Every structure is written in C-alpha cells, then in structure tokens.
C-alpha cells in the first residue's frame, strides 16, 4: 500500500510539467499584459484620487446596509428582464 502512494508521489512532478507556461490565446496574453500594468503601476494616474470622510462614511453605510437583505434560496425566473421566447412586432 505504501509503495502505491510513493509511486503516485513520484509521478506528481511529471503531471505538473505537462502544463505549458504562458498564455494559451492572444486574448489571454492581452489580459495578462493589462494585469501586469496594474500590478507594477506603469499605467497609474499621476493625480491621486482621494475621498472625503463623508464619502467614506456613505460607502461604508451602503456596504453595511447591503447585509440587511436576506439572500434568497433561489431566484424566480419570471422576475427579470428575460425574453418570453416570442417576437413582438
């Protein structure tokens, strides 16, 4: 039994090396470029954006108030802007 576990552990590095590094599509490469810009701050604004104490208080109060509403167990499919399947002309 222990030999089976040891064999599985020995094969783990081979499984990890099967994933090729780097982006898998041009879209993913572009997304990674934008994320890199955000991480290192090269595209950051030189103008700092500050909030007033009143704005911070309002934002905190909105966040606290959002916890007053219960999360429904499921959503009704009729409530919303979905289409009814028919065409109205």
N, C-alpha and C. Protein backbone atom coordinates (compact mmCIF):
# COMPACT_ATOMS: atom_id res chain seq x y z
N UNK A 1 0.82 -1.19 0.00
CA UNK A 1 0.00 0.00 0.00
C UNK A 1 0.86 1.25 0.00
N UNK A 2 1.90 1.26 0.84
CA UNK A 2 2.78 2.42 0.88
C UNK A 2 3.51 2.62 -0.44
N UNK A 3 3.83 1.52 -1.11
CA UNK A 3 4.53 1.62 -2.39
C UNK A 3 3.65 2.32 -3.43
N UNK A 4 2.35 2.06 -3.36
CA UNK A 4 1.42 2.71 -4.29
C UNK A 4 1.43 4.23 -4.08
N UNK A 5 1.37 4.66 -2.82
CA UNK A 5 1.41 6.09 -2.52
C UNK A 5 2.73 6.72 -2.95
N UNK A 6 3.82 6.01 -2.72
CA UNK A 6 5.13 6.53 -3.11
C UNK A 6 5.24 6.67 -4.62
N UNK A 7 4.67 5.72 -5.36
CA UNK A 7 4.70 5.80 -6.82
C UNK A 7 3.88 7.00 -7.30
N UNK A 8 2.74 7.25 -6.65
CA UNK A 8 1.91 8.42 -7.03
C UNK A 8 2.66 9.71 -6.73
N UNK A 9 3.31 9.76 -5.59
CA UNK A 9 4.07 10.96 -5.25
C UNK A 9 5.22 11.18 -6.21
N UNK A 10 5.83 10.11 -6.68
CA UNK A 10 6.95 10.24 -7.61
C UNK A 10 6.49 10.76 -8.97
N UNK A 11 5.23 10.51 -9.34
CA UNK A 11 4.72 10.94 -10.63
C UNK A 11 4.15 12.36 -10.62
N UNK A 12 3.97 12.96 -9.45
CA UNK A 12 3.41 14.31 -9.38
C UNK A 12 4.22 15.34 -10.15
N UNK A 13 5.55 15.36 -10.07
CA UNK A 13 6.28 16.36 -10.86
C UNK A 13 6.06 16.21 -12.36
N UNK A 14 5.84 15.00 -12.84
CA UNK A 14 5.59 14.80 -14.27
C UNK A 14 4.24 15.37 -14.67
N UNK A 15 3.25 15.24 -13.81
CA UNK A 15 1.93 15.79 -14.11
C UNK A 15 1.97 17.31 -14.14
N UNK A 16 2.72 17.91 -13.26
CA UNK A 16 2.81 19.37 -13.22
C UNK A 16 3.56 19.93 -14.42
N UNK A 17 4.51 19.19 -14.93
CA UNK A 17 5.29 19.69 -16.06
C UNK A 17 4.53 19.58 -17.38
N UNK A 18 3.36 18.94 -17.38
CA UNK A 18 2.59 18.80 -18.61
C UNK A 18 1.90 20.10 -19.00
N UNK A 19 1.76 21.04 -18.07
CA UNK A 19 1.11 22.30 -18.35
C UNK A 19 2.13 23.26 -18.94
N UNK A 20 1.85 23.73 -20.15
CA UNK A 20 2.79 24.64 -20.79
C UNK A 20 2.66 26.03 -20.19
N UNK A 21 3.76 26.68 -19.89
CA UNK A 21 3.68 28.03 -19.33
C UNK A 21 3.32 29.06 -20.40
N UNK A 22 2.79 30.17 -19.94
CA UNK A 22 2.48 31.25 -20.87
C UNK A 22 1.03 31.25 -21.29
N UNK A 23 0.60 32.32 -21.95
CA UNK A 23 -0.80 32.45 -22.35
C UNK A 23 -1.18 31.43 -23.42
N UNK A 24 -2.43 30.97 -23.33
CA UNK A 24 -2.90 29.97 -24.29
C UNK A 24 -3.60 30.59 -25.49
N UNK A 25 -3.84 31.91 -25.45
CA UNK A 25 -4.51 32.58 -26.56
C UNK A 25 -4.06 34.04 -26.60
N UNK A 26 -4.26 34.70 -27.74
CA UNK A 26 -3.93 36.12 -27.81
C UNK A 26 -4.75 36.95 -26.81
N UNK A 27 -6.00 36.56 -26.57
CA UNK A 27 -6.82 37.28 -25.61
C UNK A 27 -6.26 37.15 -24.20
N UNK A 28 -5.80 35.95 -23.85
CA UNK A 28 -5.22 35.76 -22.53
C UNK A 28 -3.93 36.56 -22.40
N UNK A 29 -3.14 36.62 -23.46
CA UNK A 29 -1.90 37.39 -23.43
C UNK A 29 -2.20 38.87 -23.20
N UNK A 30 -3.24 39.39 -23.86
CA UNK A 30 -3.61 40.78 -23.68
C UNK A 30 -4.10 41.04 -22.25
N UNK A 31 -4.89 40.12 -21.71
CA UNK A 31 -5.35 40.25 -20.33
C UNK A 31 -4.18 40.26 -19.37
N UNK A 32 -3.22 39.38 -19.58
CA UNK A 32 -2.05 39.34 -18.71
C UNK A 32 -1.23 40.62 -18.82
N UNK A 33 -1.16 41.21 -20.01
CA UNK A 33 -0.46 42.49 -20.18
C UNK A 33 -1.13 43.59 -19.36
N UNK A 34 -2.47 43.65 -19.41
CA UNK A 34 -3.19 44.66 -18.64
C UNK A 34 -3.00 44.44 -17.15
N UNK A 35 -3.01 43.19 -16.71
CA UNK A 35 -2.84 42.91 -15.29
C UNK A 35 -1.43 43.29 -14.84
N UNK A 36 -0.45 43.09 -15.69
CA UNK A 36 0.92 43.49 -15.36
C UNK A 36 1.02 45.00 -15.21
N UNK A 37 0.33 45.74 -16.08
CA UNK A 37 0.31 47.20 -15.96
C UNK A 37 -0.29 47.63 -14.63
N UNK A 38 -1.33 46.94 -14.19
CA UNK A 38 -1.95 47.28 -12.92
C UNK A 38 -1.04 46.95 -11.75
N UNK A 39 -0.38 45.81 -11.82
CA UNK A 39 0.45 45.36 -10.71
C UNK A 39 1.63 46.30 -10.50
N UNK A 40 2.33 46.65 -11.55
CA UNK A 40 3.54 47.45 -11.37
C UNK A 40 3.28 48.96 -11.42
N UNK A 41 2.06 49.37 -11.72
CA UNK A 41 1.69 50.78 -11.66
C UNK A 41 2.19 51.63 -12.82
N UNK A 42 2.61 51.03 -13.92
CA UNK A 42 3.11 51.83 -15.05
C UNK A 42 2.02 52.66 -15.70
N UNK A 43 0.77 52.24 -15.60
CA UNK A 43 -0.32 52.98 -16.22
C UNK A 43 -1.13 53.76 -15.19
N UNK A 44 -0.59 53.92 -13.99
CA UNK A 44 -1.31 54.61 -12.92
C UNK A 44 -1.37 56.10 -13.20
N UNK A 45 -2.42 56.72 -12.72
CA UNK A 45 -2.58 58.15 -12.87
C UNK A 45 -1.61 58.88 -11.94
N UNK A 46 -1.11 60.02 -12.38
CA UNK A 46 -0.23 60.80 -11.53
C UNK A 46 -1.02 61.68 -10.57
N UNK A 47 -2.34 61.75 -10.78
CA UNK A 47 -3.21 62.54 -9.91
C UNK A 47 -3.83 61.61 -8.87
N UNK A 48 -3.49 61.79 -7.60
CA UNK A 48 -4.09 60.92 -6.59
C UNK A 48 -5.58 61.20 -6.44
N UNK A 49 -6.34 60.15 -6.24
CA UNK A 49 -7.78 60.28 -6.07
C UNK A 49 -8.10 60.04 -4.60
N UNK A 50 -8.60 61.04 -3.95
CA UNK A 50 -8.89 60.97 -2.53
C UNK A 50 -10.40 61.07 -2.30
N UNK A 51 -10.84 60.47 -1.22
CA UNK A 51 -12.25 60.58 -0.84
C UNK A 51 -12.35 61.37 0.45
N UNK A 52 -13.44 62.07 0.58
CA UNK A 52 -13.66 62.85 1.79
C UNK A 52 -14.16 61.90 2.89
N UNK A 53 -14.07 62.32 4.13
CA UNK A 53 -14.61 61.48 5.21
C UNK A 53 -16.10 61.19 5.02
N UNK A 54 -16.86 62.15 4.49
CA UNK A 54 -18.29 61.93 4.26
C UNK A 54 -18.52 60.86 3.20
N UNK A 55 -17.71 60.88 2.13
CA UNK A 55 -17.84 59.86 1.08
C UNK A 55 -17.48 58.48 1.62
N UNK A 56 -16.44 58.41 2.43
CA UNK A 56 -16.06 57.12 3.02
C UNK A 56 -17.18 56.60 3.93
N UNK A 57 -17.78 57.48 4.69
CA UNK A 57 -18.86 57.09 5.59
C UNK A 57 -20.06 56.58 4.79
N UNK A 58 -20.40 57.27 3.70
CA UNK A 58 -21.52 56.82 2.86
C UNK A 58 -21.24 55.46 2.25
N UNK A 59 -20.03 55.24 1.77
CA UNK A 59 -19.69 53.96 1.18
C UNK A 59 -19.78 52.85 2.21
N UNK A 60 -19.27 53.11 3.41
CA UNK A 60 -19.34 52.11 4.47
C UNK A 60 -20.78 51.83 4.85
N UNK A 61 -21.61 52.87 4.92
CA UNK A 61 -23.01 52.67 5.27
C UNK A 61 -23.74 51.87 4.20
N UNK A 62 -23.47 52.12 2.91
CA UNK A 62 -24.08 51.32 1.83
C UNK A 62 -23.69 49.86 1.98
N UNK A 63 -22.42 49.62 2.29
CA UNK A 63 -21.94 48.24 2.44
C UNK A 63 -22.64 47.57 3.63
N UNK A 64 -22.74 48.28 4.75
CA UNK A 64 -23.42 47.72 5.93
C UNK A 64 -24.89 47.46 5.64
N UNK A 65 -25.54 48.40 4.94
CA UNK A 65 -26.96 48.23 4.62
C UNK A 65 -27.20 47.05 3.67
N UNK A 66 -26.23 46.72 2.85
CA UNK A 66 -26.42 45.61 1.91
C UNK A 66 -26.56 44.27 2.65
N UNK A 67 -26.10 44.21 3.89
CA UNK A 67 -26.23 42.97 4.65
C UNK A 67 -27.60 42.83 5.30
N UNK A 68 -28.46 43.82 5.20
CA UNK A 68 -29.79 43.76 5.80
C UNK A 68 -30.77 42.94 4.97
N UNK A 69 -30.45 42.72 3.71
CA UNK A 69 -31.34 41.99 2.81
C UNK A 69 -30.94 40.52 2.79
N UNK A 70 -31.88 39.61 3.05
CA UNK A 70 -31.54 38.19 3.03
C UNK A 70 -31.24 37.72 1.60
N UNK A 71 -30.35 36.78 1.50
CA UNK A 71 -30.04 36.19 0.20
C UNK A 71 -31.08 35.10 -0.06
N UNK A 72 -31.84 35.22 -1.15
CA UNK A 72 -32.88 34.21 -1.41
C UNK A 72 -32.26 32.85 -1.73
N UNK A 73 -33.03 31.82 -1.42
CA UNK A 73 -32.55 30.47 -1.68
C UNK A 73 -32.43 30.23 -3.19
N UNK A 74 -33.34 30.81 -3.98
CA UNK A 74 -33.26 30.73 -5.44
C UNK A 74 -33.97 31.96 -6.00
N UNK A 75 -33.74 32.24 -7.25
CA UNK A 75 -34.34 33.40 -7.91
C UNK A 75 -35.44 32.92 -8.83
N UNK A 76 -36.54 33.66 -8.83
CA UNK A 76 -37.65 33.34 -9.72
C UNK A 76 -37.26 33.66 -11.15
N UNK A 77 -37.55 32.77 -12.07
CA UNK A 77 -37.19 33.01 -13.47
C UNK A 77 -38.10 34.07 -14.10
N UNK A 78 -39.31 34.27 -13.53
CA UNK A 78 -40.22 35.27 -14.10
C UNK A 78 -39.79 36.69 -13.75
N UNK A 79 -39.08 36.85 -12.64
CA UNK A 79 -38.69 38.21 -12.24
C UNK A 79 -37.38 38.57 -12.92
N UNK A 80 -37.44 39.50 -13.81
CA UNK A 80 -36.24 39.91 -14.51
C UNK A 80 -36.56 40.34 -15.91
N UNK A 81 -35.55 40.67 -16.65
CA UNK A 81 -35.76 41.20 -17.99
C UNK A 81 -35.57 40.18 -19.09
N UNK A 82 -35.78 38.92 -18.80
CA UNK A 82 -35.58 37.89 -19.82
C UNK A 82 -36.65 37.95 -20.89
N UNK A 83 -36.39 37.32 -22.02
CA UNK A 83 -37.36 37.31 -23.11
C UNK A 83 -38.33 36.16 -22.92
N UNK A 84 -39.53 36.31 -23.46
CA UNK A 84 -40.55 35.28 -23.32
C UNK A 84 -40.49 34.25 -24.44
N UNK A 85 -39.58 34.42 -25.35
CA UNK A 85 -39.43 33.47 -26.44
C UNK A 85 -40.15 33.86 -27.70
N UNK A 86 -41.18 34.68 -27.59
CA UNK A 86 -41.94 35.12 -28.75
C UNK A 86 -41.39 36.44 -29.27
N UNK A 87 -41.74 36.75 -30.49
CA UNK A 87 -41.29 38.02 -31.06
C UNK A 87 -42.44 38.99 -31.06
N UNK A 88 -42.19 40.19 -30.59
CA UNK A 88 -43.23 41.21 -30.60
C UNK A 88 -42.88 42.25 -31.65
N UNK A 89 -43.79 42.38 -32.63
CA UNK A 89 -43.52 43.31 -33.73
C UNK A 89 -44.56 44.35 -33.83
